[in-house]
Amino acid sequence: MSKLLVLLLFIAAVGGLGWIYRDRLGAAIAALSPQSGGDLRKCVAAGGRVLYTQEACPPGSRQETLGGGAVSVLPAAPPAPAAAASGGGLPNVRDALLGPGAPGGGELKERQMDRVIGR
């Protein structure tokens, strides 16, 4: 029974040390593993803006060491489709207030005037 208790305490101690030094262990394992596409760099620009890149840091920024961890790269989201100039989609605020093509009048403006005047 005492051998089992010693073994469990040893496993708990090694696990605790691994948890405490997990960033260093992750960086050491990452340094030993083959990388594809170049090394990851952390670039810090003015104002504290951070950029992660595989290329050299842009001018005006400084390179800092990575603290370990994992980086996930996701594909860029497709751009939102542009609303049609006239016809489809949501109405333009200017068109709703002034009416399409009417520089001084419009549907909402006319309704507001009718309500104020009492027509």
N, C-alpha and C. Protein backbone atom coordinates (compact mmCIF):
# COMPACT_ATOMS: atom_id res chain seq x y z
N MET A 1 0.82 -1.20 0.00
CA MET A 1 0.00 0.00 0.00
C MET A 1 0.86 1.25 0.00
N SER A 2 1.97 1.24 0.72
CA SER A 2 2.82 2.43 0.80
C SER A 2 3.52 2.70 -0.52
N LYS A 3 3.83 1.64 -1.31
CA LYS A 3 4.46 1.84 -2.61
C LYS A 3 3.49 2.55 -3.56
N LEU A 4 2.24 2.19 -3.49
CA LEU A 4 1.22 2.82 -4.32
C LEU A 4 1.05 4.29 -3.95
N LEU A 5 1.08 4.58 -2.66
CA LEU A 5 0.96 5.97 -2.21
C LEU A 5 2.16 6.79 -2.66
N VAL A 6 3.36 6.24 -2.60
CA VAL A 6 4.57 6.94 -3.05
C VAL A 6 4.49 7.19 -4.56
N LEU A 7 4.03 6.19 -5.31
CA LEU A 7 3.89 6.34 -6.75
C LEU A 7 2.88 7.43 -7.10
N LEU A 8 1.75 7.47 -6.43
CA LEU A 8 0.74 8.50 -6.68
C LEU A 8 1.25 9.89 -6.32
N LEU A 9 1.99 10.00 -5.21
CA LEU A 9 2.58 11.29 -4.84
C LEU A 9 3.61 11.75 -5.86
N PHE A 10 4.40 10.80 -6.38
CA PHE A 10 5.40 11.15 -7.39
C PHE A 10 4.72 11.64 -8.67
N ILE A 11 3.66 10.94 -9.10
CA ILE A 11 2.92 11.34 -10.31
C ILE A 11 2.29 12.72 -10.10
N ALA A 12 1.74 12.96 -8.93
CA ALA A 12 1.13 14.27 -8.65
C ALA A 12 2.18 15.37 -8.65
N ALA A 13 3.37 15.10 -8.11
CA ALA A 13 4.44 16.11 -8.08
C ALA A 13 4.92 16.43 -9.49
N VAL A 14 5.12 15.40 -10.31
CA VAL A 14 5.57 15.63 -11.70
C VAL A 14 4.48 16.38 -12.47
N GLY A 15 3.24 16.00 -12.27
CA GLY A 15 2.14 16.70 -12.95
C GLY A 15 2.03 18.15 -12.51
N GLY A 16 2.22 18.40 -11.21
CA GLY A 16 2.18 19.79 -10.71
C GLY A 16 3.31 20.63 -11.28
N LEU A 17 4.51 20.07 -11.36
CA LEU A 17 5.63 20.81 -11.96
C LEU A 17 5.39 21.04 -13.45
N GLY A 18 4.84 20.03 -14.10
CA GLY A 18 4.51 20.21 -15.52
C GLY A 18 3.49 21.31 -15.74
N TRP A 19 2.51 21.40 -14.84
CA TRP A 19 1.49 22.45 -14.94
C TRP A 19 2.10 23.83 -14.70
N ILE A 20 2.99 23.93 -13.73
CA ILE A 20 3.62 25.22 -13.42
C ILE A 20 4.49 25.69 -14.57
N TYR A 21 5.24 24.78 -15.16
CA TYR A 21 6.18 25.14 -16.23
C TYR A 21 5.66 24.76 -17.61
N ARG A 22 4.35 24.75 -17.80
CA ARG A 22 3.76 24.31 -19.06
C ARG A 22 4.15 25.18 -20.24
N ASP A 23 4.30 26.51 -20.04
CA ASP A 23 4.68 27.38 -21.15
C ASP A 23 6.10 27.07 -21.61
N ARG A 24 6.99 26.88 -20.66
CA ARG A 24 8.38 26.57 -21.02
C ARG A 24 8.48 25.20 -21.68
N LEU A 25 7.72 24.24 -21.16
CA LEU A 25 7.74 22.91 -21.76
C LEU A 25 7.16 22.95 -23.18
N GLY A 26 6.09 23.70 -23.36
CA GLY A 26 5.48 23.82 -24.69
C GLY A 26 6.43 24.48 -25.68
N ALA A 27 7.16 25.50 -25.23
CA ALA A 27 8.13 26.16 -26.11
C ALA A 27 9.28 25.23 -26.45
N ALA A 28 9.73 24.43 -25.48
CA ALA A 28 10.82 23.49 -25.73
C ALA A 28 10.38 22.41 -26.70
N ILE A 29 9.17 21.90 -26.54
CA ILE A 29 8.66 20.87 -27.45
C ILE A 29 8.47 21.46 -28.85
N ALA A 30 7.97 22.69 -28.93
CA ALA A 30 7.78 23.34 -30.23
C ALA A 30 9.12 23.60 -30.91
N ALA A 31 10.15 23.91 -30.13
CA ALA A 31 11.47 24.15 -30.71
C ALA A 31 12.06 22.86 -31.27
N LEU A 32 11.73 21.73 -30.67
CA LEU A 32 12.26 20.46 -31.14
C LEU A 32 11.48 19.88 -32.31
N SER A 33 10.21 20.25 -32.44
CA SER A 33 9.39 19.70 -33.51
C SER A 33 9.64 20.44 -34.81
N PRO A 34 9.54 19.73 -35.94
CA PRO A 34 9.75 20.40 -37.23
C PRO A 34 8.60 21.37 -37.51
N GLN A 35 8.95 22.53 -38.02
CA GLN A 35 7.94 23.54 -38.32
C GLN A 35 7.84 23.71 -39.82
N SER A 36 6.65 23.97 -40.28
CA SER A 36 6.46 24.22 -41.70
C SER A 36 6.09 25.68 -41.89
N GLY A 37 6.66 26.30 -42.88
CA GLY A 37 6.29 27.66 -43.21
C GLY A 37 7.03 28.73 -42.44
N GLY A 38 8.04 28.41 -41.69
CA GLY A 38 8.82 29.44 -41.00
C GLY A 38 8.43 29.60 -39.55
N ASP A 39 9.22 30.37 -38.85
CA ASP A 39 8.99 30.60 -37.43
C ASP A 39 7.95 31.69 -37.23
N LEU A 40 7.22 31.58 -36.15
CA LEU A 40 6.22 32.58 -35.80
C LEU A 40 6.89 33.68 -35.00
N ARG A 41 6.62 34.92 -35.37
CA ARG A 41 7.19 36.07 -34.68
C ARG A 41 6.08 36.92 -34.10
N LYS A 42 6.35 37.49 -32.92
CA LYS A 42 5.42 38.41 -32.27
C LYS A 42 6.00 39.81 -32.42
N CYS A 43 5.31 40.67 -33.14
CA CYS A 43 5.76 42.03 -33.39
C CYS A 43 4.84 42.99 -32.62
N VAL A 44 5.45 43.91 -31.88
CA VAL A 44 4.69 44.90 -31.11
C VAL A 44 4.96 46.26 -31.70
N ALA A 45 3.90 46.94 -32.15
CA ALA A 45 4.01 48.26 -32.75
C ALA A 45 3.67 49.32 -31.71
N ALA A 46 3.74 50.57 -32.12
CA ALA A 46 3.42 51.68 -31.23
C ALA A 46 1.98 51.55 -30.73
N GLY A 47 1.75 51.90 -29.50
CA GLY A 47 0.41 51.80 -28.91
C GLY A 47 0.10 50.41 -28.40
N GLY A 48 1.06 49.48 -28.44
CA GLY A 48 0.84 48.15 -27.92
C GLY A 48 0.12 47.21 -28.86
N ARG A 49 -0.05 47.60 -30.14
CA ARG A 49 -0.72 46.74 -31.11
C ARG A 49 0.17 45.54 -31.42
N VAL A 50 -0.38 44.34 -31.37
CA VAL A 50 0.40 43.12 -31.55
C VAL A 50 0.05 42.48 -32.89
N LEU A 51 1.09 42.00 -33.58
CA LEU A 51 0.93 41.33 -34.87
C LEU A 51 1.75 40.06 -34.82
N TYR A 52 1.15 38.93 -35.16
CA TYR A 52 1.87 37.66 -35.26
C TYR A 52 2.09 37.39 -36.73
N THR A 53 3.33 37.10 -37.12
CA THR A 53 3.66 36.90 -38.52
C THR A 53 4.76 35.87 -38.66
N GLN A 54 4.90 35.33 -39.87
CA GLN A 54 5.99 34.43 -40.18
C GLN A 54 7.11 35.16 -40.92
N GLU A 55 6.88 36.42 -41.21
CA GLU A 55 7.86 37.23 -41.92
C GLU A 55 8.55 38.16 -40.93
N ALA A 56 9.47 38.97 -41.43
CA ALA A 56 10.16 39.94 -40.57
C ALA A 56 9.15 40.97 -40.07
N CYS A 57 9.39 41.49 -38.87
CA CYS A 57 8.48 42.49 -38.31
C CYS A 57 8.49 43.74 -39.18
N PRO A 58 7.35 44.40 -39.35
CA PRO A 58 7.29 45.61 -40.16
C PRO A 58 8.09 46.75 -39.51
N PRO A 59 8.51 47.72 -40.31
CA PRO A 59 9.25 48.86 -39.75
C PRO A 59 8.41 49.59 -38.70
N GLY A 60 9.07 50.04 -37.65
CA GLY A 60 8.38 50.74 -36.58
C GLY A 60 7.86 49.83 -35.49
N SER A 61 8.11 48.52 -35.61
CA SER A 61 7.69 47.59 -34.57
C SER A 61 8.91 46.81 -34.10
N ARG A 62 8.78 46.22 -32.91
CA ARG A 62 9.90 45.45 -32.37
C ARG A 62 9.44 44.01 -32.16
N GLN A 63 10.38 43.08 -32.29
CA GLN A 63 10.07 41.67 -32.11
C GLN A 63 10.24 41.29 -30.66
N GLU A 64 9.27 40.53 -30.12
CA GLU A 64 9.33 40.04 -28.75
C GLU A 64 9.30 38.52 -28.78
N THR A 65 9.76 37.92 -27.70
CA THR A 65 9.75 36.47 -27.62
C THR A 65 8.34 35.98 -27.31
N LEU A 66 8.04 34.82 -27.84
CA LEU A 66 6.73 34.21 -27.60
C LEU A 66 6.76 33.50 -26.26
N GLY A 67 5.65 33.51 -25.56
CA GLY A 67 5.55 32.88 -24.25
C GLY A 67 5.02 31.46 -24.30
N GLY A 68 5.00 30.85 -25.46
CA GLY A 68 4.47 29.50 -25.59
C GLY A 68 2.99 29.52 -25.90
N GLY A 69 2.41 28.37 -25.89
CA GLY A 69 0.99 28.28 -26.19
C GLY A 69 0.76 27.84 -27.62
N ALA A 70 -0.47 27.85 -28.05
CA ALA A 70 -0.84 27.41 -29.39
C ALA A 70 -1.44 28.58 -30.16
N VAL A 71 -1.20 28.60 -31.46
CA VAL A 71 -1.75 29.61 -32.34
C VAL A 71 -2.59 28.91 -33.39
N SER A 72 -3.83 29.31 -33.52
CA SER A 72 -4.72 28.75 -34.53
C SER A 72 -4.88 29.76 -35.65
N VAL A 73 -4.72 29.30 -36.87
CA VAL A 73 -4.87 30.17 -38.04
C VAL A 73 -6.17 29.82 -38.72
N LEU A 74 -7.04 30.80 -38.85
CA LEU A 74 -8.34 30.60 -39.48
C LEU A 74 -8.37 31.31 -40.83
N PRO A 75 -9.11 30.78 -41.79
CA PRO A 75 -9.21 31.48 -43.06
C PRO A 75 -9.96 32.80 -42.90
N ALA A 76 -9.62 33.74 -43.72
CA ALA A 76 -10.28 35.05 -43.66
C ALA A 76 -11.75 34.91 -44.04
N ALA A 77 -12.58 35.71 -43.38
CA ALA A 77 -14.01 35.70 -43.70
C ALA A 77 -14.22 36.38 -45.04
N PRO A 78 -15.13 35.88 -45.86
CA PRO A 78 -15.39 36.54 -47.14
C PRO A 78 -16.00 37.92 -46.92
N PRO A 79 -15.71 38.85 -47.81
CA PRO A 79 -16.28 40.19 -47.63
C PRO A 79 -17.80 40.17 -47.78
N ALA A 80 -18.45 41.06 -47.07
CA ALA A 80 -19.90 41.16 -47.14
C ALA A 80 -20.30 41.65 -48.52
N PRO A 81 -21.37 41.10 -49.07
CA PRO A 81 -21.78 41.56 -50.41
C PRO A 81 -22.23 43.01 -50.35
N ALA A 82 -21.85 43.75 -51.37
CA ALA A 82 -22.23 45.16 -51.44
C ALA A 82 -23.71 45.28 -51.77
N ALA A 83 -24.39 46.17 -51.07
CA ALA A 83 -25.82 46.39 -51.33
C ALA A 83 -25.98 47.08 -52.68
N ALA A 84 -27.01 46.73 -53.34
CA ALA A 84 -27.26 47.34 -54.65
C ALA A 84 -27.52 48.83 -54.48
N ALA A 85 -27.12 49.61 -55.47
CA ALA A 85 -27.27 51.07 -55.39
C ALA A 85 -28.74 51.46 -55.30
N SER A 86 -29.58 50.79 -56.01
CA SER A 86 -31.01 51.07 -55.91
C SER A 86 -31.76 49.77 -56.12
N GLY A 87 -32.86 49.62 -55.49
CA GLY A 87 -33.66 48.42 -55.67
C GLY A 87 -33.56 47.48 -54.49
N GLY A 88 -32.63 46.53 -54.48
CA GLY A 88 -32.57 45.49 -53.48
C GLY A 88 -31.94 45.94 -52.17
N GLY A 89 -32.08 45.12 -51.17
CA GLY A 89 -31.45 45.38 -49.89
C GLY A 89 -32.20 46.38 -49.05
N LEU A 90 -31.56 46.86 -48.01
CA LEU A 90 -32.16 47.83 -47.11
C LEU A 90 -32.11 49.23 -47.73
N PRO A 91 -33.09 50.05 -47.42
CA PRO A 91 -33.09 51.40 -48.00
C PRO A 91 -31.99 52.26 -47.40
N ASN A 92 -31.50 53.17 -48.18
CA ASN A 92 -30.52 54.14 -47.73
C ASN A 92 -31.23 55.16 -46.84
N VAL A 93 -30.58 55.59 -45.76
CA VAL A 93 -31.20 56.55 -44.84
C VAL A 93 -31.52 57.85 -45.57
N ARG A 94 -30.61 58.29 -46.41
CA ARG A 94 -30.83 59.54 -47.15
C ARG A 94 -32.06 59.40 -48.05
N ASP A 95 -32.19 58.22 -48.71
CA ASP A 95 -33.34 58.01 -49.59
C ASP A 95 -34.63 57.94 -48.79
N ALA A 96 -34.59 57.36 -47.58
CA ALA A 96 -35.80 57.27 -46.77
C ALA A 96 -36.23 58.64 -46.28
N LEU A 97 -35.27 59.49 -45.93
CA LEU A 97 -35.61 60.82 -45.43
C LEU A 97 -35.97 61.79 -46.54
N LEU A 98 -35.18 61.77 -47.60
CA LEU A 98 -35.38 62.76 -48.66
C LEU A 98 -36.05 62.19 -49.89
N GLY A 99 -36.18 60.90 -49.97
CA GLY A 99 -36.76 60.29 -51.16
C GLY A 99 -35.69 60.10 -52.21
N PRO A 100 -35.77 59.02 -52.97
CA PRO A 100 -34.74 58.78 -53.98
C PRO A 100 -34.78 59.81 -55.09
N GLY A 101 -33.68 60.48 -55.29
CA GLY A 101 -33.56 61.47 -56.36
C GLY A 101 -34.22 62.79 -56.07
N ALA A 102 -34.82 62.98 -54.91
CA ALA A 102 -35.48 64.24 -54.59
C ALA A 102 -34.60 65.01 -53.61
N PRO A 103 -33.95 66.10 -54.06
CA PRO A 103 -33.02 66.79 -53.18
C PRO A 103 -33.68 67.49 -52.00
N GLY A 104 -34.91 67.93 -52.10
CA GLY A 104 -35.50 68.67 -51.00
C GLY A 104 -36.71 68.03 -50.37
N GLY A 105 -37.29 67.01 -50.99
CA GLY A 105 -38.51 66.40 -50.47
C GLY A 105 -38.29 64.95 -50.15
N GLY A 106 -39.36 64.26 -49.83
CA GLY A 106 -39.24 62.84 -49.54
C GLY A 106 -40.45 62.35 -48.81
N GLU A 107 -40.53 61.03 -48.73
CA GLU A 107 -41.71 60.41 -48.14
C GLU A 107 -41.84 60.72 -46.65
N LEU A 108 -40.80 60.47 -45.87
CA LEU A 108 -40.89 60.71 -44.43
C LEU A 108 -41.04 62.19 -44.11
N LYS A 109 -40.34 63.00 -44.85
CA LYS A 109 -40.44 64.44 -44.62
C LYS A 109 -41.86 64.93 -44.91
N GLU A 110 -42.45 64.42 -45.99
CA GLU A 110 -43.81 64.81 -46.34
C GLU A 110 -44.81 64.32 -45.29
N ARG A 111 -44.64 63.10 -44.81
CA ARG A 111 -45.54 62.59 -43.78
C ARG A 111 -45.43 63.40 -42.49
N GLN A 112 -44.22 63.78 -42.13
CA GLN A 112 -44.02 64.59 -40.93
C GLN A 112 -44.68 65.96 -41.09
N MET A 113 -44.53 66.56 -42.27
CA MET A 113 -45.16 67.88 -42.52
C MET A 113 -46.69 67.74 -42.47
N ASP A 114 -47.22 66.65 -43.06
CA ASP A 114 -48.66 66.44 -43.02
C ASP A 114 -49.15 66.31 -41.60
N ARG A 115 -48.43 65.65 -40.74
CA ARG A 115 -48.83 65.48 -39.35
C ARG A 115 -48.77 66.81 -38.61
N VAL A 116 -47.74 67.61 -38.85
CA VAL A 116 -47.61 68.89 -38.15
C VAL A 116 -48.68 69.86 -38.61
N ILE A 117 -48.92 69.94 -39.92
CA ILE A 117 -49.89 70.87 -40.46
C ILE A 117 -51.31 70.39 -40.19
N GLY A 118 -51.51 69.10 -40.12
CA GLY A 118 -52.85 68.56 -39.89
C GLY A 118 -53.58 68.26 -41.16
N ARG A 119 -52.89 68.00 -42.25
CA ARG A 119 -53.53 67.66 -43.52
C ARG A 119 -54.07 66.27 -43.50
